[in-house]
Amino acid sequence: MLIHTIFDMLAWLSAGALGWWIGRRGWLTGFSTRPRFKDDPWYFMALALGALAGAVAFGSANMNLAGFWTLGHSIAGAIAGGVAAVELYKWLRGIRGSTGLPFVGPLALGIAIGRLGCFFAGLPDYTYGTPTHLPWGVDFGDGIRRHPVQLYEAATMLLFLAFWLRALTMREAAVIRNGFYLFVAWYALQRFAWEFLKPYPAIVGPFNLFHLICVALFAYSILMIRGTHDFRPAE
């Protein structure tokens, strides 16, 4: 799993560099309730603990449902846990407005690079797709050509990153203000689609655990976007 660790480190470094660059450009000025660790370290503690708990809890639950009695981790679980913890913290502290905008670009880039690590890690990572006869199917070493769902997700997250960077450069106010919620919605939609191409066990009809998480994340994003009124037509 060394290759996965290398890509994870690259994802963190690239995400941090992108976040720093966006901050230096001042593209989020006036749009974000920007969190700063020195001003509110408890915000970041809530975020970190929520993301870690969600990643391990949901990742391990999915592994256990599949019959692998071991600890796991999940990006979808980390996003869900982080969102839940931060929204609870904001509610308790009376904080209003989006605080997630500085994380949008870094998260999109980090997920894309991290998924490349999943791809090169192969079968032991348990993120491969179901068998396929399509010409781009990939044999990870067991003689079966599978959907490279890791690459599908990396590509769709890079597509969102391009959309986000364009919105920042064009100063598209409604998109920028809702940037984190749009990120969550996009992540949930594309992840929901790729889950049909994974060998994870279904728990409700044809839907697996991550399908349900994605539905919850998408519902959250829509409710938050509706609350901003930015995309509503003029009455």
C-alpha atoms as a PDB file:
ATOM      1  CA  MET A   1       0.000   0.000   0.000  1.00  0.00           C
ATOM      2  CA  LEU A   2       3.038   2.254  -0.284  1.00  0.00           C
ATOM      3  CA  ILE A   3       1.786   3.634  -3.584  1.00  0.00           C
ATOM      4  CA  HIS A   4      -1.490   4.652  -1.932  1.00  0.00           C
ATOM      5  CA  THR A   5       0.369   6.422   0.874  1.00  0.00           C
ATOM      6  CA  ILE A   6       2.469   8.337  -1.658  1.00  0.00           C
ATOM      7  CA  PHE A   7      -0.624   9.532  -3.506  1.00  0.00           C
ATOM      8  CA  ASP A   8      -2.342  10.435  -0.229  1.00  0.00           C
ATOM      9  CA  MET A   9       0.612  12.634   0.685  1.00  0.00           C
ATOM     10  CA  LEU A  10       0.604  14.149  -2.801  1.00  0.00           C
ATOM     11  CA  ALA A  11      -3.130  14.835  -2.452  1.00  0.00           C
ATOM     12  CA  TRP A  12      -2.629  16.660   0.856  1.00  0.00           C
ATOM     13  CA  LEU A  13       0.303  18.704  -0.474  1.00  0.00           C
ATOM     14  CA  SER A  14      -1.482  19.612  -3.706  1.00  0.00           C
ATOM     15  CA  ALA A  15      -4.676  20.537  -1.867  1.00  0.00           C
ATOM     16  CA  GLY A  16      -2.757  22.763   0.531  1.00  0.00           C
ATOM     17  CA  ALA A  17      -0.881  24.443  -2.294  1.00  0.00           C
ATOM     18  CA  LEU A  18      -4.091  25.115  -4.224  1.00  0.00           C
ATOM     19  CA  GLY A  19      -5.801  26.513  -1.138  1.00  0.00           C
ATOM     20  CA  TRP A  20      -2.848  28.822  -0.507  1.00  0.00           C
ATOM     21  CA  TRP A  21      -2.852  29.988  -4.143  1.00  0.00           C
ATOM     22  CA  ILE A  22      -6.586  30.728  -4.158  1.00  0.00           C
ATOM     23  CA  GLY A  23      -6.186  32.619  -0.896  1.00  0.00           C
ATOM     24  CA  ARG A  24      -3.309  34.669  -2.298  1.00  0.00           C
ATOM     25  CA  ARG A  25      -5.420  35.611  -5.306  1.00  0.00           C
ATOM     26  CA  GLY A  26      -8.138  36.935  -3.002  1.00  0.00           C
ATOM     27  CA  TRP A  27     -10.878  35.210  -4.978  1.00  0.00           C
ATOM     28  CA  LEU A  28     -12.959  34.418  -1.886  1.00  0.00           C
ATOM     29  CA  THR A  29     -12.771  37.884  -0.346  1.00  0.00           C
ATOM     30  CA  GLY A  30     -16.247  39.069   0.553  1.00  0.00           C
ATOM     31  CA  PHE A  31     -17.894  35.714  -0.036  1.00  0.00           C
ATOM     32  CA  SER A  32     -16.777  33.508   2.846  1.00  0.00           C
ATOM     33  CA  THR A  33     -16.994  33.420   6.609  1.00  0.00           C
ATOM     34  CA  ARG A  34     -13.369  32.368   6.447  1.00  0.00           C
ATOM     35  CA  PRO A  35     -12.293  30.129   9.342  1.00  0.00           C
ATOM     36  CA  ARG A  36      -8.879  30.773  10.863  1.00  0.00           C
ATOM     37  CA  PHE A  37      -7.335  28.347  13.288  1.00  0.00           C
ATOM     38  CA  LYS A  38      -5.879  31.098  15.475  1.00  0.00           C
ATOM     39  CA  ASP A  39      -9.330  32.693  15.827  1.00  0.00           C
ATOM     40  CA  ASP A  40     -11.379  29.536  16.403  1.00  0.00           C
ATOM     41  CA  PRO A  41      -9.384  26.321  16.878  1.00  0.00           C
ATOM     42  CA  TRP A  42     -12.504  24.496  18.096  1.00  0.00           C
ATOM     43  CA  TYR A  43     -14.022  24.845  14.622  1.00  0.00           C
ATOM     44  CA  PHE A  44     -11.121  22.917  13.121  1.00  0.00           C
ATOM     45  CA  MET A  45     -11.189  20.363  15.918  1.00  0.00           C
ATOM     46  CA  ALA A  46     -14.874  19.727  15.240  1.00  0.00           C
ATOM     47  CA  LEU A  47     -14.146  19.434  11.518  1.00  0.00           C
ATOM     48  CA  ALA A  48     -11.208  17.065  11.997  1.00  0.00           C
ATOM     49  CA  LEU A  49     -12.922  14.836  14.556  1.00  0.00           C
ATOM     50  CA  GLY A  50     -16.151  14.695  12.547  1.00  0.00           C
ATOM     51  CA  ALA A  51     -14.352  13.844   9.319  1.00  0.00           C
ATOM     52  CA  LEU A  52     -12.210  11.193  11.002  1.00  0.00           C
ATOM     53  CA  ALA A  53     -15.169   9.613  12.774  1.00  0.00           C
ATOM     54  CA  GLY A  54     -17.256   9.572   9.591  1.00  0.00           C
ATOM     55  CA  ALA A  55     -14.423   8.166   7.480  1.00  0.00           C
ATOM     56  CA  VAL A  56     -13.694   5.284   9.856  1.00  0.00           C
ATOM     57  CA  ALA A  57     -17.289   4.541  10.871  1.00  0.00           C
ATOM     58  CA  PHE A  58     -18.760   4.378   7.380  1.00  0.00           C
ATOM     59  CA  GLY A  59     -15.676   2.860   5.772  1.00  0.00           C
ATOM     60  CA  SER A  60     -15.524   0.113   8.392  1.00  0.00           C
ATOM     61  CA  ALA A  61     -19.276  -0.486   8.205  1.00  0.00           C
ATOM     62  CA  ASN A  62     -19.062  -1.020   4.449  1.00  0.00           C
ATOM     63  CA  MET A  63     -16.139  -3.423   4.851  1.00  0.00           C
ATOM     64  CA  ASN A  64     -18.009  -5.364   7.529  1.00  0.00           C
ATOM     65  CA  LEU A  65     -21.131  -5.584   5.375  1.00  0.00           C
ATOM     66  CA  ALA A  66     -18.949  -7.079   2.650  1.00  0.00           C
ATOM     67  CA  GLY A  67     -17.597  -9.679   5.074  1.00  0.00           C
ATOM     68  CA  PHE A  68     -14.211  -8.069   5.738  1.00  0.00           C
ATOM     69  CA  TRP A  69     -13.968  -7.663   9.506  1.00  0.00           C
ATOM     70  CA  THR A  70     -11.428  -4.884   9.523  1.00  0.00           C
ATOM     71  CA  LEU A  71     -11.203  -1.118   9.885  1.00  0.00           C
ATOM     72  CA  GLY A  72     -11.757   0.909   6.753  1.00  0.00           C
ATOM     73  CA  HIS A  73     -12.030   4.515   5.723  1.00  0.00           C
ATOM     74  CA  SER A  74     -14.153   6.418   3.250  1.00  0.00           C
ATOM     75  CA  ILE A  75     -14.041   9.830   1.584  1.00  0.00           C
ATOM     76  CA  ALA A  76     -17.843   9.958   1.467  1.00  0.00           C
ATOM     77  CA  GLY A  77     -17.943   9.160   5.166  1.00  0.00           C
ATOM     78  CA  ALA A  78     -15.357  11.844   5.914  1.00  0.00           C
ATOM     79  CA  ILE A  79     -17.382  14.480   4.056  1.00  0.00           C
ATOM     80  CA  ALA A  80     -20.608  13.425   5.788  1.00  0.00           C
ATOM     81  CA  GLY A  81     -18.975  13.372   9.219  1.00  0.00           C
ATOM     82  CA  GLY A  82     -17.227  16.687   8.691  1.00  0.00           C
ATOM     83  CA  VAL A  83     -20.398  18.382   7.467  1.00  0.00           C
ATOM     84  CA  ALA A  84     -22.441  17.066  10.398  1.00  0.00           C
ATOM     85  CA  ALA A  85     -19.852  18.096  12.991  1.00  0.00           C
ATOM     86  CA  VAL A  86     -19.311  21.592  11.558  1.00  0.00           C
ATOM     87  CA  GLU A  87     -23.015  22.327  11.125  1.00  0.00           C
ATOM     88  CA  LEU A  88     -23.632  21.257  14.724  1.00  0.00           C
ATOM     89  CA  TYR A  89     -20.740  23.422  15.911  1.00  0.00           C
ATOM     90  CA  LYS A  90     -21.988  26.423  13.908  1.00  0.00           C
ATOM     91  CA  TRP A  91     -25.482  25.982  15.328  1.00  0.00           C
ATOM     92  CA  LEU A  92     -24.172  25.838  18.894  1.00  0.00           C
ATOM     93  CA  ARG A  93     -21.979  28.910  18.378  1.00  0.00           C
ATOM     94  CA  GLY A  94     -24.541  30.890  16.380  1.00  0.00           C
ATOM     95  CA  ILE A  95     -22.258  31.106  13.326  1.00  0.00           C
ATOM     96  CA  ARG A  96     -24.074  32.003  10.119  1.00  0.00           C
ATOM     97  CA  GLY A  97     -22.974  31.788   6.510  1.00  0.00           C
ATOM     98  CA  SER A  98     -20.856  29.304   4.619  1.00  0.00           C
ATOM     99  CA  THR A  99     -17.503  28.475   6.173  1.00  0.00           C
ATOM    100  CA  GLY A 100     -16.611  25.766   3.660  1.00  0.00           C
ATOM    101  CA  LEU A 101     -15.600  27.865   0.651  1.00  0.00           C
ATOM    102  CA  PRO A 102     -11.825  27.733   1.306  1.00  0.00           C
ATOM    103  CA  PHE A 103     -12.011  23.928   1.187  1.00  0.00           C
ATOM    104  CA  VAL A 104     -13.840  23.558  -2.151  1.00  0.00           C
ATOM    105  CA  GLY A 105     -10.905  23.640  -4.561  1.00  0.00           C
ATOM    106  CA  PRO A 106      -8.508  21.744  -2.282  1.00  0.00           C
ATOM    107  CA  LEU A 107     -11.088  19.011  -1.632  1.00  0.00           C
ATOM    108  CA  ALA A 108     -11.874  18.555  -5.324  1.00  0.00           C
ATOM    109  CA  LEU A 109      -8.188  18.313  -6.225  1.00  0.00           C
ATOM    110  CA  GLY A 110      -7.329  16.143  -3.224  1.00  0.00           C
ATOM    111  CA  ILE A 111     -10.099  13.656  -3.984  1.00  0.00           C
ATOM    112  CA  ALA A 112      -9.028  13.419  -7.634  1.00  0.00           C
ATOM    113  CA  ILE A 113      -5.395  12.700  -6.739  1.00  0.00           C
ATOM    114  CA  GLY A 114      -6.394  10.373  -3.915  1.00  0.00           C
ATOM    115  CA  ARG A 115      -8.504   8.315  -6.320  1.00  0.00           C
ATOM    116  CA  LEU A 116      -5.464   7.874  -8.531  1.00  0.00           C
ATOM    117  CA  GLY A 117      -3.807   6.306  -5.506  1.00  0.00           C
ATOM    118  CA  CYS A 118      -6.785   3.975  -5.125  1.00  0.00           C
ATOM    119  CA  PHE A 119      -6.444   2.998  -8.784  1.00  0.00           C
ATOM    120  CA  PHE A 120      -2.751   2.169  -8.571  1.00  0.00           C
ATOM    121  CA  ALA A 121      -3.250   0.336  -5.255  1.00  0.00           C
ATOM    122  CA  GLY A 122      -5.304  -2.245  -7.148  1.00  0.00           C
ATOM    123  CA  LEU A 123      -7.415  -5.016  -5.653  1.00  0.00           C
ATOM    124  CA  PRO A 124      -6.301  -4.723  -1.996  1.00  0.00           C
ATOM    125  CA  ASP A 125      -7.806  -1.228  -1.825  1.00  0.00           C
ATOM    126  CA  TYR A 126     -11.328  -2.605  -2.455  1.00  0.00           C
ATOM    127  CA  THR A 127     -12.309   0.428  -4.546  1.00  0.00           C
ATOM    128  CA  TYR A 128     -12.282  -1.331  -7.912  1.00  0.00           C
ATOM    129  CA  GLY A 129     -15.306  -1.610 -10.181  1.00  0.00           C
ATOM    130  CA  THR A 130     -17.466  -4.466 -11.336  1.00  0.00           C
ATOM    131  CA  PRO A 131     -16.465  -6.619 -14.347  1.00  0.00           C
ATOM    132  CA  THR A 132     -16.943  -5.084 -17.782  1.00  0.00           C
ATOM    133  CA  HIS A 133     -16.353  -5.938 -21.431  1.00  0.00           C
ATOM    134  CA  LEU A 134     -15.779  -2.302 -22.362  1.00  0.00           C
ATOM    135  CA  PRO A 135     -12.425  -1.674 -24.081  1.00  0.00           C
ATOM    136  CA  TRP A 136     -11.154   0.525 -21.249  1.00  0.00           C
ATOM    137  CA  GLY A 137     -11.741  -2.099 -18.580  1.00  0.00           C
ATOM    138  CA  VAL A 138      -8.674  -2.675 -16.391  1.00  0.00           C
ATOM    139  CA  ASP A 139      -7.243  -5.992 -15.182  1.00  0.00           C
ATOM    140  CA  PHE A 140      -5.897  -5.379 -11.671  1.00  0.00           C
ATOM    141  CA  GLY A 141      -4.082  -8.705 -11.620  1.00  0.00           C
ATOM    142  CA  ASP A 142      -6.809 -11.319 -11.229  1.00  0.00           C
ATOM    143  CA  GLY A 143      -7.555 -11.767 -14.941  1.00  0.00           C
ATOM    144  CA  ILE A 144     -10.862  -9.848 -14.790  1.00  0.00           C
ATOM    145  CA  ARG A 145     -11.351  -6.569 -16.635  1.00  0.00           C
ATOM    146  CA  ARG A 146     -13.165  -4.107 -14.385  1.00  0.00           C
ATOM    147  CA  HIS A 147     -14.579  -0.601 -14.558  1.00  0.00           C
ATOM    148  CA  PRO A 148     -11.832   1.828 -13.459  1.00  0.00           C
ATOM    149  CA  VAL A 149     -14.288   3.667 -11.231  1.00  0.00           C
ATOM    150  CA  GLN A 150     -11.394   5.361  -9.441  1.00  0.00           C
ATOM    151  CA  LEU A 151     -10.506   7.106 -12.709  1.00  0.00           C
ATOM    152  CA  TYR A 152     -14.148   7.955 -13.362  1.00  0.00           C
ATOM    153  CA  GLU A 153     -14.334   9.740 -10.031  1.00  0.00           C
ATOM    154  CA  ALA A 154     -10.975  11.464 -10.484  1.00  0.00           C
ATOM    155  CA  ALA A 155     -12.112  12.799 -13.868  1.00  0.00           C
ATOM    156  CA  THR A 156     -15.459  14.080 -12.613  1.00  0.00           C
ATOM    157  CA  MET A 157     -13.854  15.837  -9.644  1.00  0.00           C
ATOM    158  CA  LEU A 158     -11.299  17.499 -11.931  1.00  0.00           C
ATOM    159  CA  LEU A 159     -14.210  18.618 -14.095  1.00  0.00           C
ATOM    160  CA  PHE A 160     -15.803  20.240 -11.053  1.00  0.00           C
ATOM    161  CA  LEU A 161     -12.481  21.860 -10.152  1.00  0.00           C
ATOM    162  CA  ALA A 162     -12.306  23.435 -13.616  1.00  0.00           C
ATOM    163  CA  PHE A 163     -15.874  24.727 -13.174  1.00  0.00           C
ATOM    164  CA  TRP A 164     -14.996  26.140  -9.733  1.00  0.00           C
ATOM    165  CA  LEU A 165     -11.833  27.889 -10.861  1.00  0.00           C
ATOM    166  CA  ARG A 166     -13.679  29.436 -13.788  1.00  0.00           C
ATOM    167  CA  ALA A 167     -16.391  30.724 -11.430  1.00  0.00           C
ATOM    168  CA  LEU A 168     -13.714  32.254  -9.206  1.00  0.00           C
ATOM    169  CA  THR A 169     -11.937  34.000 -12.068  1.00  0.00           C
ATOM    170  CA  MET A 170     -15.232  35.260 -13.534  1.00  0.00           C
ATOM    171  CA  ARG A 171     -16.450  36.398 -10.084  1.00  0.00           C
ATOM    172  CA  GLU A 172     -19.756  34.552 -10.444  1.00  0.00           C
ATOM    173  CA  ALA A 173     -21.218  35.568  -7.097  1.00  0.00           C
ATOM    174  CA  ALA A 174     -24.075  33.064  -6.813  1.00  0.00           C
ATOM    175  CA  VAL A 175     -21.803  30.149  -7.687  1.00  0.00           C
ATOM    176  CA  ILE A 176     -19.062  31.287  -5.326  1.00  0.00           C
ATOM    177  CA  ARG A 177     -21.364  31.848  -2.343  1.00  0.00           C
ATOM    178  CA  ASN A 178     -22.847  28.391  -2.828  1.00  0.00           C
ATOM    179  CA  GLY A 179     -19.532  26.816  -3.748  1.00  0.00           C
ATOM    180  CA  PHE A 180     -19.270  24.351  -0.885  1.00  0.00           C
ATOM    181  CA  TYR A 181     -22.861  23.212  -1.276  1.00  0.00           C
ATOM    182  CA  LEU A 182     -22.378  22.817  -5.040  1.00  0.00           C
ATOM    183  CA  PHE A 183     -19.269  20.767  -4.338  1.00  0.00           C
ATOM    184  CA  VAL A 184     -21.184  18.494  -1.959  1.00  0.00           C
ATOM    185  CA  ALA A 185     -24.033  18.112  -4.479  1.00  0.00           C
ATOM    186  CA  TRP A 186     -21.649  17.290  -7.329  1.00  0.00           C
ATOM    187  CA  TYR A 187     -19.667  14.850  -5.230  1.00  0.00           C
ATOM    188  CA  ALA A 188     -22.860  13.120  -4.084  1.00  0.00           C
ATOM    189  CA  LEU A 189     -24.295  12.845  -7.611  1.00  0.00           C
ATOM    190  CA  GLN A 190     -21.192  11.445  -9.262  1.00  0.00           C
ATOM    191  CA  ARG A 191     -20.434   9.105  -6.342  1.00  0.00           C
ATOM    192  CA  PHE A 192     -24.045   7.856  -6.374  1.00  0.00           C
ATOM    193  CA  ALA A 193     -23.667   6.969 -10.063  1.00  0.00           C
ATOM    194  CA  TRP A 194     -20.331   5.153  -9.688  1.00  0.00           C
ATOM    195  CA  GLU A 195     -21.617   3.114  -6.743  1.00  0.00           C
ATOM    196  CA  PHE A 196     -23.685   1.063  -9.193  1.00  0.00           C
ATOM    197  CA  LEU A 197     -20.380  -0.051 -10.715  1.00  0.00           C
ATOM    198  CA  LYS A 198     -18.847  -1.281  -7.450  1.00  0.00           C
ATOM    199  CA  PRO A 199     -19.101  -4.699  -5.785  1.00  0.00           C
ATOM    200  CA  TYR A 200     -20.352  -3.358  -2.463  1.00  0.00           C
ATOM    201  CA  PRO A 201     -23.307  -5.172  -0.853  1.00  0.00           C
ATOM    202  CA  ALA A 202     -26.759  -3.637  -1.217  1.00  0.00           C
ATOM    203  CA  ILE A 203     -28.652  -2.886   1.980  1.00  0.00           C
ATOM    204  CA  VAL A 204     -31.865  -1.231   0.661  1.00  0.00           C
ATOM    205  CA  GLY A 205     -33.073  -2.536  -2.679  1.00  0.00           C
ATOM    206  CA  PRO A 206     -30.207  -1.992  -5.177  1.00  0.00           C
ATOM    207  CA  PHE A 207     -28.566   0.659  -3.003  1.00  0.00           C
ATOM    208  CA  ASN A 208     -25.478   0.204  -0.855  1.00  0.00           C
ATOM    209  CA  LEU A 209     -24.396   2.183   2.192  1.00  0.00           C
ATOM    210  CA  PHE A 210     -22.694   4.893   0.152  1.00  0.00           C
ATOM    211  CA  HIS A 211     -25.781   5.390  -2.007  1.00  0.00           C
ATOM    212  CA  LEU A 212     -27.665   6.352   1.150  1.00  0.00           C
ATOM    213  CA  ILE A 213     -24.877   8.672   2.316  1.00  0.00           C
ATOM    214  CA  CYS A 214     -24.894  10.380  -1.079  1.00  0.00           C
ATOM    215  CA  VAL A 215     -28.661  10.904  -0.911  1.00  0.00           C
ATOM    216  CA  ALA A 216     -28.261  12.557   2.495  1.00  0.00           C
ATOM    217  CA  LEU A 217     -25.390  14.760   1.262  1.00  0.00           C
ATOM    218  CA  PHE A 218     -27.326  15.832  -1.824  1.00  0.00           C
ATOM    219  CA  ALA A 219     -30.409  16.671   0.252  1.00  0.00           C
ATOM    220  CA  TYR A 220     -28.226  18.733   2.596  1.00  0.00           C
ATOM    221  CA  SER A 221     -26.716  20.687  -0.274  1.00  0.00           C
ATOM    222  CA  ILE A 222     -30.088  21.462  -1.858  1.00  0.00           C
ATOM    223  CA  LEU A 223     -31.545  22.654   1.445  1.00  0.00           C
ATOM    224  CA  MET A 224     -28.547  24.918   2.050  1.00  0.00           C
ATOM    225  CA  ILE A 225     -28.633  26.345  -1.478  1.00  0.00           C
ATOM    226  CA  ARG A 226     -32.345  27.083  -1.158  1.00  0.00           C
ATOM    227  CA  GLY A 227     -31.596  28.918   2.060  1.00  0.00           C
ATOM    228  CA  THR A 228     -29.225  31.345   0.327  1.00  0.00           C
ATOM    229  CA  HIS A 229     -31.875  32.421  -2.226  1.00  0.00           C
ATOM    230  CA  ASP A 230     -29.084  33.077  -4.751  1.00  0.00           C
ATOM    231  CA  PHE A 231     -30.390  30.751  -7.469  1.00  0.00           C
ATOM    232  CA  ARG A 232     -34.074  31.581  -7.048  1.00  0.00           C
ATOM    233  CA  PRO A 233     -35.777  33.463  -9.915  1.00  0.00           C
ATOM    234  CA  ALA A 234     -36.886  37.002  -9.210  1.00  0.00           C
ATOM    235  CA  GLU A 235     -40.539  37.256  -8.145  1.00  0.00           C
END
